[in-house]
């Protein structure tokens, strides 16, 4: 990927559209209960970006939000309910859900919060017990 490359994305109905530009800081899978509940799935594919890389190109006034905790400010489309982003202020990163950026070549590098998994995945990627140390976790890696 390249700093000049941009990827278009949108919510389920297309009312909210956006671009992300450059390279994500990280890509992977989160297995925590909060992400599983929010995504209504057994695992959540994430792409973490510098907030400046994300530009809303249509429908900014149609974005709703919910803050269950100060760590994660979740955002969705008010028309279709489609999930869009999670702002992580403490890390100065925004998670743009991989599924809403269809053109992005998703290249996961890690599983986080794997101790909470409901879907074991044998893909050779590191399985972090919780989060990397630099993000407030233990940094411990579990066996696949």
Protein backbone atom coordinates (compact mmCIF):
# COMPACT_ATOMS: atom_id res chain seq x y z
CA UNK A 1 0.00 0.00 0.00
CA UNK A 2 1.08 3.57 -0.48
CA UNK A 3 0.61 6.92 1.24
CA UNK A 4 -0.94 8.20 -2.00
CA UNK A 5 -3.55 5.43 -2.19
CA UNK A 6 -7.11 6.16 -1.09
CA UNK A 7 -9.90 3.69 -0.44
CA UNK A 8 -13.61 4.47 -0.57
CA UNK A 9 -16.09 3.08 1.90
CA UNK A 10 -19.64 3.53 3.04
CA UNK A 11 -22.32 2.34 5.40
CA UNK A 12 -24.75 -0.41 4.39
CA UNK A 13 -27.17 1.94 2.58
CA UNK A 14 -24.57 4.37 1.21
CA UNK A 15 -25.92 7.45 3.02
CA UNK A 16 -22.53 7.86 4.74
CA UNK A 17 -19.49 7.72 2.50
CA UNK A 18 -15.82 8.22 3.32
CA UNK A 19 -12.25 7.73 2.16
CA UNK A 20 -9.20 6.54 4.03
CA UNK A 21 -5.81 7.51 2.65
CA UNK A 22 -2.40 5.96 3.11
CA UNK A 23 -1.62 2.89 5.14
CA UNK A 24 -3.43 1.71 8.25
CA UNK A 25 -1.39 1.61 11.46
CA UNK A 26 -2.52 -2.00 11.96
CA UNK A 27 -4.98 -4.58 10.71
CA UNK A 28 -6.23 -7.64 12.50
CA UNK A 29 -9.00 -9.34 14.40
CA UNK A 30 -10.49 -8.44 17.78
CA UNK A 31 -12.14 -11.17 19.85
CA UNK A 32 -13.30 -9.10 22.86
CA UNK A 33 -16.89 -9.39 24.08
CA UNK A 34 -17.54 -5.72 23.37
CA UNK A 35 -16.51 -5.95 19.69
CA UNK A 36 -18.34 -9.25 19.27
CA UNK A 37 -21.54 -7.79 20.72
CA UNK A 38 -21.27 -4.60 18.68
CA UNK A 39 -20.58 -6.43 15.42
CA UNK A 40 -23.08 -9.23 16.12
CA UNK A 41 -20.42 -11.72 15.08
CA UNK A 42 -17.88 -14.07 16.63
CA UNK A 43 -14.93 -11.83 15.67
CA UNK A 44 -14.39 -8.28 14.37
CA UNK A 45 -11.95 -7.44 11.56
CA UNK A 46 -10.34 -4.07 12.26
CA UNK A 47 -8.20 -1.53 10.44
CA UNK A 48 -6.64 1.16 12.63
CA UNK A 49 -5.87 4.55 11.10
CA UNK A 50 -4.54 7.92 12.11
CA UNK A 51 -7.71 10.06 12.43
CA UNK A 52 -6.36 12.45 9.76
CA UNK A 53 -6.46 9.59 7.21
CA UNK A 54 -10.28 9.39 7.46
CA UNK A 55 -12.41 11.90 5.54
CA UNK A 56 -16.20 11.83 5.52
CA UNK A 57 -17.24 12.66 1.95
CA UNK A 58 -21.03 12.39 2.34
CA UNK A 59 -23.56 12.14 5.15
CA UNK A 60 -21.57 13.42 8.15
CA UNK A 61 -24.83 14.64 9.70
CA UNK A 62 -26.17 11.09 9.43
CA UNK A 63 -23.56 9.58 11.76
CA UNK A 64 -24.75 8.52 15.20
CA UNK A 65 -22.56 7.62 18.12
CA UNK A 66 -22.45 5.69 21.36
CA UNK A 67 -19.82 5.66 24.09
CA UNK A 68 -20.15 2.60 26.31
CA UNK A 69 -16.69 3.45 27.66
CA UNK A 70 -14.30 6.35 27.25
CA UNK A 71 -11.97 4.04 25.33
CA UNK A 72 -14.30 3.40 22.38
CA UNK A 73 -16.60 5.90 20.68
CA UNK A 74 -18.62 3.78 18.25
CA UNK A 75 -20.26 5.34 15.19
CA UNK A 76 -22.93 4.15 12.76
CA UNK A 77 -25.30 5.38 10.06
CA UNK A 78 -28.57 6.72 11.49
CA UNK A 79 -30.49 5.60 8.36
CA UNK A 80 -29.50 1.94 8.03
CA UNK A 81 -27.73 1.24 11.33
CA UNK A 82 -24.62 0.16 9.44
CA UNK A 83 -21.51 0.25 11.58
CA UNK A 84 -18.74 2.57 10.42
CA UNK A 85 -15.99 3.46 12.88
CA UNK A 86 -14.80 3.32 16.44
CA UNK A 87 -12.76 6.26 17.68
CA UNK A 88 -10.07 5.29 20.22
CA UNK A 89 -9.03 8.64 21.73
CA UNK A 90 -6.42 7.24 24.14
CA UNK A 91 -4.52 5.72 21.22
CA UNK A 92 -5.25 8.56 18.77
CA UNK A 93 -6.55 5.97 16.31
CA UNK A 94 -9.82 5.23 14.56
CA UNK A 95 -10.95 1.71 13.74
CA UNK A 96 -12.60 1.67 10.34
CA UNK A 97 -14.27 -1.72 10.09
CA UNK A 98 -12.57 -3.75 7.36
CA UNK A 99 -15.92 -4.81 5.89
CA UNK A 100 -16.90 -1.23 5.03
CA UNK A 101 -13.77 -0.63 2.91
CA UNK A 102 -14.32 -3.13 0.08
CA UNK A 103 -11.29 -2.09 -1.99
CA UNK A 104 -8.76 -2.26 0.84
CA UNK A 105 -6.50 -5.30 0.59
CA UNK A 106 -7.10 -6.55 4.14
CA UNK A 107 -3.85 -8.00 5.48
CA UNK A 108 -4.39 -8.93 9.13
CA UNK A 109 -1.28 -9.09 11.29
CA UNK A 110 -2.58 -10.02 14.72
CA UNK A 111 -5.46 -11.27 16.84
CA UNK A 112 -6.15 -9.22 19.99
CA UNK A 113 -8.12 -10.18 23.09
CA UNK A 114 -7.84 -13.82 22.03
CA UNK A 115 -8.41 -15.04 25.60
CA UNK A 116 -12.08 -14.08 25.01
CA UNK A 117 -12.47 -15.80 21.63
CA UNK A 118 -15.57 -17.75 20.65
CA UNK A 119 -14.09 -18.68 17.26
CA UNK A 120 -10.67 -20.34 17.26
CA UNK A 121 -8.70 -19.41 14.15
CA UNK A 122 -5.61 -21.30 13.05
CA UNK A 123 -4.02 -18.89 10.60
CA UNK A 124 -0.45 -18.57 11.88
CA UNK A 125 -0.96 -14.99 13.13
CA UNK A 126 0.06 -14.00 16.67
CA UNK A 127 -2.75 -14.47 19.20
CA UNK A 128 -2.44 -11.75 21.84
CA UNK A 129 -4.01 -12.58 25.22
CA UNK A 130 -5.31 -9.01 25.40
CA UNK A 131 -3.50 -6.03 23.82
CA UNK A 132 0.10 -5.09 23.08
CA UNK A 133 1.91 -3.45 26.01
CA UNK A 134 2.08 -0.10 24.19
CA UNK A 135 -1.72 -0.10 24.07
CA UNK A 136 -2.19 -0.91 27.75
CA UNK A 137 -2.28 -4.71 27.56
CA UNK A 138 -0.02 -7.42 28.91
CA UNK A 139 1.68 -8.08 25.57
CA UNK A 140 1.31 -11.82 26.23
CA UNK A 141 0.95 -14.10 23.22
CA UNK A 142 -1.11 -17.29 23.47
CA UNK A 143 -0.49 -20.57 21.68
CA UNK A 144 -2.48 -21.10 18.53
